[in-house]
Protein backbone atom coordinates (compact mmCIF):
# COMPACT_ATOMS: atom_id res chain seq x y z
CA ALA A 1 0.00 -0.08 0.04
CA GLY A 2 1.04 3.67 0.17
CA THR A 3 2.72 5.68 2.84
CA ARG A 4 0.79 8.33 4.55
CA VAL A 5 2.41 11.35 6.16
CA GLY A 6 0.99 13.64 8.68
CA GLY A 7 1.99 16.78 10.57
CA TYR A 8 2.24 20.41 9.78
CA THR A 9 4.38 20.14 6.67
CA ALA A 10 1.92 17.58 5.03
CA GLN A 11 -0.94 19.98 5.79
CA GLN A 12 0.84 22.84 4.16
CA ILE A 13 1.51 20.76 1.05
CA ASP A 14 -1.97 19.86 0.86
CA THR A 15 -3.18 23.46 1.41
CA GLU A 16 -0.70 24.72 -1.27
CA ASP A 17 -2.11 22.09 -3.73
CA THR A 18 -5.77 22.91 -3.10
CA ALA A 19 -5.06 26.64 -3.43
CA ALA A 20 -3.28 26.08 -6.73
CA HIS A 21 -6.14 24.01 -7.91
CA ASP A 22 -8.64 26.53 -6.93
CA ARG A 23 -6.74 29.32 -8.69
CA THR A 24 -6.55 27.34 -12.02
CA LEU A 25 -10.29 26.65 -11.83
CA ILE A 26 -11.92 29.68 -10.31
CA VAL A 27 -9.81 32.54 -12.12
CA PRO A 28 -10.82 31.53 -15.65
CA VAL A 29 -14.49 30.83 -14.87
CA VAL A 30 -14.84 34.30 -13.12
CA LEU A 31 -13.21 35.97 -16.02
CA LEU A 32 -15.52 34.24 -18.55
CA ILE A 33 -18.58 34.99 -16.44
CA ILE A 34 -17.59 38.72 -16.23
CA LEU A 35 -16.87 38.71 -19.97
CA ALA A 36 -20.38 37.39 -20.64
CA ILE A 37 -22.00 40.02 -18.38
CA LEU A 38 -19.96 42.79 -19.96
CA VAL A 39 -20.86 41.61 -23.48
CA GLY A 40 -24.72 41.58 -22.63
CA LEU A 41 -24.45 44.97 -20.80
CA LEU A 42 -22.41 46.83 -23.38
CA ARG A 43 -23.79 44.99 -26.48
CA ALA A 44 -20.17 44.75 -27.94
CA LEU A 45 -17.46 42.20 -28.03
CA LEU A 46 -14.22 43.99 -28.45
CA LEU A 47 -14.64 46.45 -25.60
CA PRO A 48 -15.60 43.70 -22.99
CA LEU A 49 -12.46 41.81 -24.09
CA LEU A 50 -10.37 44.97 -23.53
CA LEU A 51 -11.91 45.56 -20.21
CA VAL A 52 -11.39 42.07 -18.94
CA ALA A 53 -7.78 42.32 -19.97
CA THR A 54 -7.29 45.49 -17.98
CA VAL A 55 -8.86 43.96 -14.99
CA ALA A 56 -6.49 40.95 -15.32
CA LEU A 57 -3.54 43.24 -15.91
CA ASN A 58 -4.21 45.30 -12.85
CA PHE A 59 -4.38 42.20 -10.83
CA ALA A 60 -1.10 40.86 -12.20
CA ALA A 61 0.70 44.09 -11.64
CA THR A 62 -0.69 44.28 -8.06
CA LEU A 63 0.50 40.84 -7.14
CA GLY A 64 3.96 41.66 -8.71
CA VAL A 65 4.38 44.96 -6.62
CA SER A 66 2.92 43.21 -3.59
CA SER A 67 5.51 40.30 -3.85
CA LEU A 68 8.33 42.93 -3.85
CA VAL A 69 6.78 44.99 -0.97
CA PHE A 70 6.13 41.89 1.22
CA ARG A 71 9.62 40.63 0.84
CA HIS A 72 11.65 43.83 0.81
CA VAL A 73 9.63 46.21 2.94
CA PHE A 74 7.46 44.18 5.24
CA GLY A 75 10.07 41.47 5.65
CA PHE A 76 7.58 38.57 5.16
CA THR A 77 9.19 35.20 4.41
CA GLY A 78 6.22 33.80 2.69
CA THR A 79 2.58 34.38 1.74
CA ASP A 80 -0.50 32.44 2.61
CA ALA A 81 -1.49 30.22 -0.19
CA SER A 82 -5.06 31.69 -0.21
CA VAL A 83 -4.01 35.33 -0.40
CA PRO A 84 -3.77 35.53 -4.20
CA LEU A 85 -7.27 34.05 -4.67
CA TYR A 86 -8.87 36.45 -2.07
CA GLY A 87 -7.01 39.26 -3.75
CA PHE A 88 -8.27 38.23 -7.08
CA VAL A 89 -11.88 38.11 -5.92
CA PHE A 90 -11.80 41.50 -4.34
CA LEU A 91 -9.98 43.33 -7.17
CA VAL A 92 -11.77 41.75 -10.01
CA ALA A 93 -15.19 42.50 -8.38
CA LEU A 94 -14.36 46.13 -7.81
CA GLY A 95 -12.60 46.62 -11.04
CA VAL A 96 -15.68 45.20 -12.91
CA ASP A 97 -17.90 47.30 -10.88
CA TYR A 98 -16.05 50.43 -11.74
CA ASN A 99 -15.89 49.35 -15.42
CA ILE A 100 -19.65 48.89 -15.67
CA PHE A 101 -20.31 52.23 -14.04
CA LEU A 102 -17.88 54.05 -16.34
CA MET A 103 -18.58 52.20 -19.61
CA SER A 104 -22.48 52.19 -19.26
CA ARG A 105 -22.24 56.05 -19.10
CA VAL A 106 -19.65 56.34 -21.91
CA ARG A 107 -22.14 54.08 -23.98
CA GLU A 108 -24.95 56.55 -23.45
CA GLU A 109 -22.75 59.44 -24.30
CA THR A 110 -21.23 57.71 -27.34
CA ALA A 111 -24.73 57.15 -28.83
CA ARG A 112 -25.39 60.85 -28.52
CA HIS A 113 -22.04 62.58 -29.17
CA GLY A 114 -19.90 60.00 -31.00
CA PRO A 115 -17.07 57.66 -29.62
CA ARG A 116 -14.37 60.44 -28.85
CA GLU A 117 -16.72 62.90 -27.18
CA GLY A 118 -18.62 60.16 -25.46
CA VAL A 119 -15.56 58.90 -23.70
CA LEU A 120 -14.64 62.43 -22.41
CA ARG A 121 -18.22 63.02 -21.21
CA GLY A 122 -18.56 59.80 -19.57
CA LEU A 123 -15.29 60.05 -17.81
CA VAL A 124 -16.18 63.66 -16.57
CA SER A 125 -19.47 62.31 -15.32
CA THR A 126 -18.19 59.26 -13.37
CA GLY A 127 -14.49 59.96 -12.88
CA GLY A 128 -14.91 61.79 -9.59
CA VAL A 129 -17.25 59.28 -8.08
CA ILE A 130 -14.94 56.28 -9.08
CA THR A 131 -11.90 57.94 -7.72
CA SER A 132 -13.34 58.98 -4.43
CA ALA A 133 -14.95 55.57 -3.91
CA GLY A 134 -11.70 53.96 -4.68
CA VAL A 135 -9.79 56.10 -2.26
CA VAL A 136 -12.34 55.44 0.52
CA LEU A 137 -12.35 51.72 -0.07
CA ALA A 138 -8.47 51.59 -0.15
CA ALA A 139 -8.28 53.45 3.20
CA THR A 140 -10.83 51.08 4.55
CA PHE A 141 -8.78 47.95 3.66
CA ALA A 142 -5.45 49.55 4.58
CA ALA A 143 -6.81 49.86 8.19
CA LEU A 144 -6.86 46.05 8.28
CA GLY A 145 -2.97 46.34 8.14
CA VAL A 146 -2.82 47.31 11.75
CA ILE A 147 -4.12 43.92 12.89
CA PRO A 148 -1.05 41.89 13.79
CA LEU A 149 -1.88 38.90 11.36
CA SER A 150 0.24 38.53 8.19
CA PHE A 151 -2.68 37.15 6.32
CA LEU A 152 -4.76 40.18 7.04
CA ALA A 153 -1.91 42.61 6.39
CA GLN A 154 -1.17 40.97 2.99
CA ILE A 155 -4.91 41.12 1.90
CA ALA A 156 -5.02 44.68 3.13
CA PHE A 157 -2.02 45.72 1.10
CA ILE A 158 -3.10 43.79 -2.05
CA VAL A 159 -6.71 45.26 -2.11
CA ALA A 160 -5.69 48.77 -1.00
CA PHE A 161 -2.82 49.04 -3.64
CA GLY A 162 -4.82 47.33 -6.28
CA VAL A 163 -7.97 49.57 -5.82
CA LEU A 164 -5.82 52.66 -5.86
CA MET A 165 -4.03 51.68 -9.03
CA ASP A 166 -7.42 50.52 -10.61
CA THR A 167 -9.04 53.95 -9.92
CA LEU A 168 -6.30 56.23 -10.39
CA VAL A 169 -4.50 54.69 -13.40
CA VAL A 170 -6.42 51.92 -15.09
CA ARG A 171 -10.01 53.27 -14.95
CA SER A 172 -9.08 56.97 -15.15
CA LEU A 173 -6.33 56.85 -17.82
CA LEU A 174 -5.79 53.58 -19.55
CA VAL A 175 -9.33 52.52 -20.33
CA PRO A 176 -10.54 55.92 -21.51
CA ALA A 177 -7.39 56.32 -23.51
CA LEU A 178 -7.79 52.98 -25.23
CA VAL A 179 -11.41 53.34 -25.88
CA ARG A 180 -10.85 56.91 -27.27
CA ASP A 181 -8.06 55.68 -29.60
CA LEU A 182 -10.20 52.75 -30.86
CA GLY A 183 -13.15 54.97 -31.58
CA ALA A 184 -16.19 53.28 -33.02
CA ARG A 185 -14.28 50.06 -33.39
CA ALA A 186 -14.30 49.51 -29.58
CA TRP A 187 -18.08 49.10 -29.77
CA TRP A 188 -17.87 46.35 -32.51
CA PRO A 189 -20.21 44.76 -33.57
CA SER A 190 -22.92 46.95 -32.24
CA GLY A 191 -21.81 49.91 -34.48
CA ILE A 192 -22.57 52.57 -31.92
CA GLY A 193 -20.98 55.89 -32.71
CA ARG A 194 -20.31 55.10 -36.42
CA GLY A 195 -20.51 58.05 -38.78
CA ARG A 196 -19.81 60.65 -36.02
């Protein structure tokens, strides 16, 4: 028969394996569900793909920065296996929420004023709300960092940093710039904003 090993080390290996399995299953499924929701809401295909890509990019960049900060600033020797998945859930949920808020308004303005003007008007209408909500949320999560548990400190930093980067850089600069440069093509195949 086989050999069974118990103890803390064996539990940690099982936890790492389970967390890796959960990440490879949950991350693609969540992104596909979000893509389907955005396609239905925006009635386009190219723009939802772009938005999901920016959410994934923000998460990847946040994990990279967090890894450096945890090791070289906070002095953590490791990270809890479930931290990346929790961070993904929080950041993707918030990023998609901000995407929907911004792009639904941009869609309304694009139908009236054309793609370039629509992006500017949509950003003016929603930018302040998104930014202030992101700052408040980041401050709320950052407050968890004072609790002397490394798991909570790691989650607090990942979510606070990721939300700030999402609201101040991705949602305020990157997404509007990409949509403005693409023009009416961003709304393919719906054709909104063509001929303006």
